[in-house]
Amino acid sequence: MSDFLFPDTDFVIGLGSVLNIAGGYFDFATSKSESAADLKALRSDWGVTGQDISEAYHECTSDNDQKEISR
């Protein structure tokens, strides 16, 4: 899951944000335009997809190597 648009938080930060009535507690990722934001999101999504495919490939090839060794 892509989370680059969300602030990095923990419990204490979350508790503090509940008590922050005035707002403006978090800084979010910004872009100069909607197109730039979309491009960042697409690149991030495809980057994560590529990582998932790579991990699945390596897991499958590792499983196949172990099966051949046990024969």
C-alpha atoms as a PDB file:
ATOM      1  CA  MET A   1       0.000   0.000   0.000  1.00  0.00           C
ATOM      2  CA  SER A   2       1.294   3.402  -0.892  1.00  0.00           C
ATOM      3  CA  ASP A   3       1.412   5.774   2.046  1.00  0.00           C
ATOM      4  CA  PHE A   4       3.630   8.623   0.891  1.00  0.00           C
ATOM      5  CA  LEU A   5       0.729  11.092   1.068  1.00  0.00           C
ATOM      6  CA  PHE A   6       0.129  10.400   4.758  1.00  0.00           C
ATOM      7  CA  PRO A   7       2.180  11.695   7.686  1.00  0.00           C
ATOM      8  CA  ASP A   8       4.437   9.316   9.597  1.00  0.00           C
ATOM      9  CA  THR A   9       2.764   9.047  12.990  1.00  0.00           C
ATOM     10  CA  ASP A  10       2.789   7.079  16.198  1.00  0.00           C
ATOM     11  CA  PHE A  11       0.393   6.871  19.160  1.00  0.00           C
ATOM     12  CA  VAL A  12       1.676   9.996  20.923  1.00  0.00           C
ATOM     13  CA  ILE A  13       1.459  12.072  17.722  1.00  0.00           C
ATOM     14  CA  GLY A  14      -2.068  10.767  17.136  1.00  0.00           C
ATOM     15  CA  LEU A  15      -3.085  11.665  20.669  1.00  0.00           C
ATOM     16  CA  GLY A  16      -1.614  15.136  20.229  1.00  0.00           C
ATOM     17  CA  SER A  17      -3.526  15.630  16.992  1.00  0.00           C
ATOM     18  CA  VAL A  18      -6.801  14.864  18.781  1.00  0.00           C
ATOM     19  CA  LEU A  19      -6.042  17.617  21.278  1.00  0.00           C
ATOM     20  CA  ASN A  20      -5.012  20.100  18.572  1.00  0.00           C
ATOM     21  CA  ILE A  21      -8.213  22.075  18.118  1.00  0.00           C
ATOM     22  CA  ALA A  22      -6.658  24.750  15.869  1.00  0.00           C
ATOM     23  CA  GLY A  23      -5.577  22.251  13.186  1.00  0.00           C
ATOM     24  CA  GLY A  24      -2.495  22.320  11.007  1.00  0.00           C
ATOM     25  CA  TYR A  25      -0.838  19.580  13.053  1.00  0.00           C
ATOM     26  CA  PHE A  26       0.464  17.479  10.149  1.00  0.00           C
ATOM     27  CA  ASP A  27       2.471  18.312   7.044  1.00  0.00           C
ATOM     28  CA  PHE A  28       1.286  16.352   4.021  1.00  0.00           C
ATOM     29  CA  ALA A  29       3.122  15.799   0.757  1.00  0.00           C
ATOM     30  CA  THR A  30       2.321  18.571  -1.686  1.00  0.00           C
ATOM     31  CA  SER A  31       2.615  19.025  -5.418  1.00  0.00           C
ATOM     32  CA  LYS A  32       2.572  22.032  -7.716  1.00  0.00           C
ATOM     33  CA  SER A  33      -0.434  20.708  -9.628  1.00  0.00           C
ATOM     34  CA  GLU A  34      -2.928  17.874  -9.754  1.00  0.00           C
ATOM     35  CA  SER A  35      -0.991  16.373 -12.666  1.00  0.00           C
ATOM     36  CA  ALA A  36       2.233  16.337 -10.649  1.00  0.00           C
ATOM     37  CA  ALA A  37       0.432  14.720  -7.694  1.00  0.00           C
ATOM     38  CA  ASP A  38      -1.057  12.069 -10.009  1.00  0.00           C
ATOM     39  CA  LEU A  39       2.366  11.376 -11.509  1.00  0.00           C
ATOM     40  CA  LYS A  40       3.905  10.933  -8.042  1.00  0.00           C
ATOM     41  CA  ALA A  41       1.095   8.594  -7.023  1.00  0.00           C
ATOM     42  CA  LEU A  42       1.347   6.511 -10.209  1.00  0.00           C
ATOM     43  CA  ARG A  43       5.121   6.188  -9.894  1.00  0.00           C
ATOM     44  CA  SER A  44       4.783   5.139  -6.286  1.00  0.00           C
ATOM     45  CA  ASP A  45       2.023   2.621  -7.066  1.00  0.00           C
ATOM     46  CA  TRP A  46       3.955   1.053  -9.931  1.00  0.00           C
ATOM     47  CA  GLY A  47       7.121   1.004  -7.830  1.00  0.00           C
ATOM     48  CA  VAL A  48       5.326  -0.995  -5.132  1.00  0.00           C
ATOM     49  CA  THR A  49       3.786  -3.258  -7.789  1.00  0.00           C
ATOM     50  CA  GLY A  50       7.247  -3.907  -9.225  1.00  0.00           C
ATOM     51  CA  GLN A  51       8.598  -4.759  -5.775  1.00  0.00           C
ATOM     52  CA  ASP A  52       5.733  -7.204  -5.209  1.00  0.00           C
ATOM     53  CA  ILE A  53       6.359  -8.895  -8.557  1.00  0.00           C
ATOM     54  CA  SER A  54      10.093  -9.104  -7.843  1.00  0.00           C
ATOM     55  CA  GLU A  55       9.515 -10.623  -4.398  1.00  0.00           C
ATOM     56  CA  ALA A  56       7.029 -13.146  -5.814  1.00  0.00           C
ATOM     57  CA  TYR A  57       9.464 -14.093  -8.582  1.00  0.00           C
ATOM     58  CA  HIS A  58      12.330 -14.625  -6.146  1.00  0.00           C
ATOM     59  CA  GLU A  59      10.095 -16.607  -3.803  1.00  0.00           C
ATOM     60  CA  CYS A  60       8.924 -18.861  -6.643  1.00  0.00           C
ATOM     61  CA  THR A  61      12.416 -19.428  -8.019  1.00  0.00           C
ATOM     62  CA  SER A  62      13.687 -20.137  -4.502  1.00  0.00           C
ATOM     63  CA  ASP A  63      10.899 -22.694  -3.963  1.00  0.00           C
ATOM     64  CA  ASN A  64      11.694 -24.358  -7.301  1.00  0.00           C
ATOM     65  CA  ASP A  65      15.413 -24.536  -6.442  1.00  0.00           C
ATOM     66  CA  GLN A  66      14.636 -26.241  -3.121  1.00  0.00           C
ATOM     67  CA  LYS A  67      12.321 -28.769  -4.816  1.00  0.00           C
ATOM     68  CA  GLU A  68      15.042 -29.698  -7.319  1.00  0.00           C
ATOM     69  CA  ILE A  69      17.603 -30.150  -4.531  1.00  0.00           C
ATOM     70  CA  SER A  70      15.329 -32.521  -2.594  1.00  0.00           C
ATOM     71  CA  ARG A  71      14.805 -34.792  -5.627  1.00  0.00           C
END
